[in-house]
Amino acid sequence: MKAKAAVAWETKKPLFIEMIDVEGPKEGEVLLKVIASGVCHTDAFTLSGECVPLCIRR
C-alpha cells in the first residue's frame, strides 16, 4: 500500500513529500485517513541540525 510522507533526507533542507510503501492494517487494526498533521518542536529542532550527530542517520 502507498502513503504520502514528509521525509527528511538531510538537515537544514526542506522536507520532501514522497510516496512510500507501508504495510496495510493487520487483523485487529484499523486504517485511518489523516487529513492534516503538524511538525512538532522536536522535529523542527532535529531538522535544524542543532542536535547532529545523534538525530539524523547518515
C-alpha atoms as a PDB file:
ATOM      1  CA  MET A   1       0.000   0.000   0.000  1.00  0.00           C
ATOM      2  CA  LYS A   2       1.260   3.518  -0.736  1.00  0.00           C
ATOM      3  CA  ALA A   3       1.162   6.534   1.587  1.00  0.00           C
ATOM      4  CA  LYS A   4       2.302  10.128   1.312  1.00  0.00           C
ATOM      5  CA  ALA A   5       5.117  11.012   3.746  1.00  0.00           C
ATOM      6  CA  ALA A   6       7.217  14.048   4.632  1.00  0.00           C
ATOM      7  CA  VAL A   7      10.783  12.697   4.550  1.00  0.00           C
ATOM      8  CA  ALA A   8      13.936  14.339   5.922  1.00  0.00           C
ATOM      9  CA  TRP A   9      16.999  13.315   3.944  1.00  0.00           C
ATOM     10  CA  GLU A  10      19.364  15.871   5.478  1.00  0.00           C
ATOM     11  CA  THR A  11      19.414  18.717   7.964  1.00  0.00           C
ATOM     12  CA  LYS A  12      18.828  22.350   7.029  1.00  0.00           C
ATOM     13  CA  LYS A  13      16.831  21.288   3.956  1.00  0.00           C
ATOM     14  CA  PRO A  14      13.070  21.235   3.377  1.00  0.00           C
ATOM     15  CA  LEU A  15      11.141  18.032   3.894  1.00  0.00           C
ATOM     16  CA  PHE A  16      10.459  16.040   0.735  1.00  0.00           C
ATOM     17  CA  ILE A  17       6.892  14.863   0.139  1.00  0.00           C
ATOM     18  CA  GLU A  18       7.204  11.318  -1.203  1.00  0.00           C
ATOM     19  CA  MET A  19       5.052   8.271  -1.754  1.00  0.00           C
ATOM     20  CA  ILE A  20       6.296   5.393   0.403  1.00  0.00           C
ATOM     21  CA  ASP A  21       5.349   1.725   0.743  1.00  0.00           C
ATOM     22  CA  VAL A  22       3.687   0.790   4.033  1.00  0.00           C
ATOM     23  CA  GLU A  23       2.073  -2.403   5.244  1.00  0.00           C
ATOM     24  CA  GLY A  24      -1.703  -2.419   5.351  1.00  0.00           C
ATOM     25  CA  PRO A  25      -3.527  -2.950   8.634  1.00  0.00           C
ATOM     26  CA  LYS A  26      -3.246  -6.367  10.217  1.00  0.00           C
ATOM     27  CA  GLU A  27      -6.033  -8.274  11.921  1.00  0.00           C
ATOM     28  CA  GLY A  28      -7.419  -6.211  14.795  1.00  0.00           C
ATOM     29  CA  GLU A  29      -6.002  -2.939  13.422  1.00  0.00           C
ATOM     30  CA  VAL A  30      -7.761  -0.129  11.600  1.00  0.00           C
ATOM     31  CA  LEU A  31      -6.720   2.218   8.815  1.00  0.00           C
ATOM     32  CA  LEU A  32      -7.270   5.943   9.414  1.00  0.00           C
ATOM     33  CA  LYS A  33      -7.139   8.725   6.878  1.00  0.00           C
ATOM     34  CA  VAL A  34      -5.063  11.627   8.211  1.00  0.00           C
ATOM     35  CA  ILE A  35      -6.317  14.916   6.818  1.00  0.00           C
ATOM     36  CA  ALA A  36      -3.795  17.248   8.460  1.00  0.00           C
ATOM     37  CA  SER A  37      -0.645  16.955  10.507  1.00  0.00           C
ATOM     38  CA  GLY A  38       1.940  19.266  12.010  1.00  0.00           C
ATOM     39  CA  VAL A  39       5.633  19.349  12.791  1.00  0.00           C
ATOM     40  CA  CYS A  40       6.462  19.417  16.499  1.00  0.00           C
ATOM     41  CA  HIS A  41       9.267  21.483  18.017  1.00  0.00           C
ATOM     42  CA  THR A  42      11.448  18.386  18.428  1.00  0.00           C
ATOM     43  CA  ASP A  43      11.118  17.605  14.710  1.00  0.00           C
ATOM     44  CA  ALA A  44      11.944  21.202  13.772  1.00  0.00           C
ATOM     45  CA  PHE A  45      14.959  21.174  16.131  1.00  0.00           C
ATOM     46  CA  THR A  46      16.204  17.918  14.615  1.00  0.00           C
ATOM     47  CA  LEU A  47      15.854  19.285  11.085  1.00  0.00           C
ATOM     48  CA  SER A  48      17.715  22.463  12.058  1.00  0.00           C
ATOM     49  CA  GLY A  49      20.906  20.427  12.523  1.00  0.00           C
ATOM     50  CA  GLU A  50      21.401  21.656  16.096  1.00  0.00           C
ATOM     51  CA  CYS A  51      21.494  18.144  17.560  1.00  0.00           C
ATOM     52  CA  VAL A  52      23.654  16.377  14.959  1.00  0.00           C
ATOM     53  CA  PRO A  53      25.132  13.748  15.012  1.00  0.00           C
ATOM     54  CA  LEU A  54      22.524  11.977  17.126  1.00  0.00           C
ATOM     55  CA  CYS A  55      19.291  12.945  15.371  1.00  0.00           C
ATOM     56  CA  ILE A  56      19.516  12.046  11.685  1.00  0.00           C
ATOM     57  CA  ARG A  57      21.232   8.923  10.486  1.00  0.00           C
ATOM     58  CA  ARG A  58      23.680   9.497   7.678  1.00  0.00           C
END
